[in-house]
Amino acid sequence: MASDEHIERQIERLHAVVRGDVQAVGFRYFVHRKARQLRLAGWVRNNDDGSVELVAEGERDRLEQLKRAVEEGPRTARVDRVDAQWSQGTGGLKAFDLAW
């Protein structure tokens, strides 16, 4: 048997800033629902400059799914750009929630 059958899943962190028409269009709630469906930890909030910022931790494939959903956004939003940074997860985040 191959020794790679038991690969330990590493927790990663996605920090993203979403720019476009993403405030007052249900974007945070869209991100919140998707992140919860994917069982990710973290938060999402509106920034004063009109962007939406999120930090999520979990398995890379789940984070990639969240990033793709954020790039698309809900029908009510217009996403112009997503600036994403990847790093190793800290494990210090709780269940995904809205931040103020």
C-alpha atoms as a PDB file:
ATOM      1  CA  MET A   1       0.000   0.000   0.000  1.00  0.00           C
ATOM      2  CA  ALA A   2       1.172   3.479  -0.776  1.00  0.00           C
ATOM      3  CA  SER A   3       2.191   5.519   2.222  1.00  0.00           C
ATOM      4  CA  ASP A   4       0.407   8.600   0.870  1.00  0.00           C
ATOM      5  CA  GLU A   5      -3.046   7.115   1.532  1.00  0.00           C
ATOM      6  CA  HIS A   6      -3.000   8.635   4.992  1.00  0.00           C
ATOM      7  CA  ILE A   7      -2.175  12.249   4.220  1.00  0.00           C
ATOM      8  CA  GLU A   8      -2.794  14.664   7.050  1.00  0.00           C
ATOM      9  CA  ARG A   9      -5.016  17.563   5.957  1.00  0.00           C
ATOM     10  CA  GLN A  10      -3.358  20.879   6.576  1.00  0.00           C
ATOM     11  CA  ILE A  11      -5.364  23.893   7.651  1.00  0.00           C
ATOM     12  CA  GLU A  12      -4.776  26.946   5.486  1.00  0.00           C
ATOM     13  CA  ARG A  13      -5.939  30.554   5.676  1.00  0.00           C
ATOM     14  CA  LEU A  14      -7.503  32.684   2.960  1.00  0.00           C
ATOM     15  CA  HIS A  15      -7.553  36.452   3.492  1.00  0.00           C
ATOM     16  CA  ALA A  16      -9.470  38.222   0.724  1.00  0.00           C
ATOM     17  CA  VAL A  17     -10.607  41.759  -0.037  1.00  0.00           C
ATOM     18  CA  VAL A  18     -13.450  41.975  -2.540  1.00  0.00           C
ATOM     19  CA  ARG A  19     -13.925  45.155  -4.573  1.00  0.00           C
ATOM     20  CA  GLY A  20     -16.865  46.222  -6.723  1.00  0.00           C
ATOM     21  CA  ASP A  21     -20.529  46.790  -5.924  1.00  0.00           C
ATOM     22  CA  VAL A  22     -20.415  44.498  -2.894  1.00  0.00           C
ATOM     23  CA  GLN A  23     -22.016  46.448  -0.039  1.00  0.00           C
ATOM     24  CA  ALA A  24     -25.764  46.745   0.637  1.00  0.00           C
ATOM     25  CA  VAL A  25     -26.419  43.874  -1.803  1.00  0.00           C
ATOM     26  CA  GLY A  26     -26.381  40.876   0.589  1.00  0.00           C
ATOM     27  CA  PHE A  27     -22.743  40.021  -0.150  1.00  0.00           C
ATOM     28  CA  ARG A  28     -21.676  39.383   3.460  1.00  0.00           C
ATOM     29  CA  TYR A  29     -24.647  37.095   4.025  1.00  0.00           C
ATOM     30  CA  PHE A  30     -23.831  35.254   0.788  1.00  0.00           C
ATOM     31  CA  VAL A  31     -20.228  34.694   1.984  1.00  0.00           C
ATOM     32  CA  HIS A  32     -21.459  33.712   5.459  1.00  0.00           C
ATOM     33  CA  ARG A  33     -23.846  31.058   4.097  1.00  0.00           C
ATOM     34  CA  LYS A  34     -21.266  29.618   1.688  1.00  0.00           C
ATOM     35  CA  ALA A  35     -18.518  29.464   4.331  1.00  0.00           C
ATOM     36  CA  ARG A  36     -20.864  27.730   6.779  1.00  0.00           C
ATOM     37  CA  GLN A  37     -21.887  25.204   4.104  1.00  0.00           C
ATOM     38  CA  LEU A  38     -18.187  24.455   3.571  1.00  0.00           C
ATOM     39  CA  ARG A  39     -17.622  24.168   7.346  1.00  0.00           C
ATOM     40  CA  LEU A  40     -14.972  26.887   7.406  1.00  0.00           C
ATOM     41  CA  ALA A  41     -13.971  29.077  10.355  1.00  0.00           C
ATOM     42  CA  GLY A  42     -13.519  32.836  10.115  1.00  0.00           C
ATOM     43  CA  TRP A  43     -15.359  36.095   9.503  1.00  0.00           C
ATOM     44  CA  VAL A  44     -16.554  38.579   6.871  1.00  0.00           C
ATOM     45  CA  ARG A  45     -17.075  42.340   7.220  1.00  0.00           C
ATOM     46  CA  ASN A  46     -17.713  45.549   5.294  1.00  0.00           C
ATOM     47  CA  ASN A  47     -14.807  47.995   5.120  1.00  0.00           C
ATOM     48  CA  ASP A  48     -15.128  51.797   5.109  1.00  0.00           C
ATOM     49  CA  ASP A  49     -13.712  51.984   1.558  1.00  0.00           C
ATOM     50  CA  GLY A  50     -16.680  50.019   0.138  1.00  0.00           C
ATOM     51  CA  SER A  51     -14.884  46.686  -0.040  1.00  0.00           C
ATOM     52  CA  VAL A  52     -15.765  43.464   1.762  1.00  0.00           C
ATOM     53  CA  GLU A  53     -13.021  41.623   3.656  1.00  0.00           C
ATOM     54  CA  LEU A  54     -12.962  38.024   4.780  1.00  0.00           C
ATOM     55  CA  VAL A  55     -10.671  35.625   6.587  1.00  0.00           C
ATOM     56  CA  ALA A  56     -11.405  31.912   6.397  1.00  0.00           C
ATOM     57  CA  GLU A  57      -9.551  28.826   7.582  1.00  0.00           C
ATOM     58  CA  GLY A  58      -9.978  25.214   6.590  1.00  0.00           C
ATOM     59  CA  GLU A  59      -8.848  22.670   4.039  1.00  0.00           C
ATOM     60  CA  ARG A  60      -7.450  24.154   0.826  1.00  0.00           C
ATOM     61  CA  ASP A  61     -10.089  22.601  -1.470  1.00  0.00           C
ATOM     62  CA  ARG A  62     -12.910  24.104   0.616  1.00  0.00           C
ATOM     63  CA  LEU A  63     -11.189  27.489   0.673  1.00  0.00           C
ATOM     64  CA  GLU A  64     -10.797  27.328  -3.121  1.00  0.00           C
ATOM     65  CA  GLN A  65     -14.557  26.698  -3.393  1.00  0.00           C
ATOM     66  CA  LEU A  66     -15.239  29.739  -1.213  1.00  0.00           C
ATOM     67  CA  LYS A  67     -12.867  31.882  -3.285  1.00  0.00           C
ATOM     68  CA  ARG A  68     -14.610  30.852  -6.517  1.00  0.00           C
ATOM     69  CA  ALA A  69     -18.014  31.678  -4.979  1.00  0.00           C
ATOM     70  CA  VAL A  70     -16.740  35.082  -3.810  1.00  0.00           C
ATOM     71  CA  GLU A  71     -15.343  35.856  -7.273  1.00  0.00           C
ATOM     72  CA  GLU A  72     -18.800  35.161  -8.707  1.00  0.00           C
ATOM     73  CA  GLY A  73     -20.816  36.744  -5.880  1.00  0.00           C
ATOM     74  CA  PRO A  74     -24.592  36.802  -5.555  1.00  0.00           C
ATOM     75  CA  ARG A  75     -26.654  38.054  -8.518  1.00  0.00           C
ATOM     76  CA  THR A  76     -27.264  41.337  -6.714  1.00  0.00           C
ATOM     77  CA  ALA A  77     -23.538  42.186  -6.557  1.00  0.00           C
ATOM     78  CA  ARG A  78     -20.853  43.106  -9.066  1.00  0.00           C
ATOM     79  CA  VAL A  79     -17.379  41.790  -8.234  1.00  0.00           C
ATOM     80  CA  ASP A  80     -14.597  43.730  -9.947  1.00  0.00           C
ATOM     81  CA  ARG A  81     -11.600  42.229  -8.181  1.00  0.00           C
ATOM     82  CA  VAL A  82     -10.669  39.805  -5.397  1.00  0.00           C
ATOM     83  CA  ASP A  83      -7.269  40.321  -3.783  1.00  0.00           C
ATOM     84  CA  ALA A  84      -6.456  37.027  -2.078  1.00  0.00           C
ATOM     85  CA  GLN A  85      -3.565  36.061   0.166  1.00  0.00           C
ATOM     86  CA  TRP A  86      -2.860  32.511   1.291  1.00  0.00           C
ATOM     87  CA  SER A  87      -1.056  31.469   4.443  1.00  0.00           C
ATOM     88  CA  GLN A  88      -0.875  28.657   6.963  1.00  0.00           C
ATOM     89  CA  GLY A  89      -3.910  28.495   9.233  1.00  0.00           C
ATOM     90  CA  THR A  90      -3.557  29.290  12.918  1.00  0.00           C
ATOM     91  CA  GLY A  91      -6.568  27.316  14.103  1.00  0.00           C
ATOM     92  CA  GLY A  92      -7.598  30.238  16.299  1.00  0.00           C
ATOM     93  CA  LEU A  93     -10.799  31.164  14.459  1.00  0.00           C
ATOM     94  CA  LYS A  94     -14.294  30.177  15.549  1.00  0.00           C
ATOM     95  CA  ALA A  95     -17.309  29.195  13.422  1.00  0.00           C
ATOM     96  CA  PHE A  96     -17.675  31.542  10.450  1.00  0.00           C
ATOM     97  CA  ASP A  97     -19.588  34.680  11.383  1.00  0.00           C
ATOM     98  CA  LEU A  98     -20.276  38.279  10.460  1.00  0.00           C
ATOM     99  CA  ALA A  99     -17.853  40.835  11.922  1.00  0.00           C
ATOM    100  CA  TRP A 100     -18.659  44.494  12.525  1.00  0.00           C
END
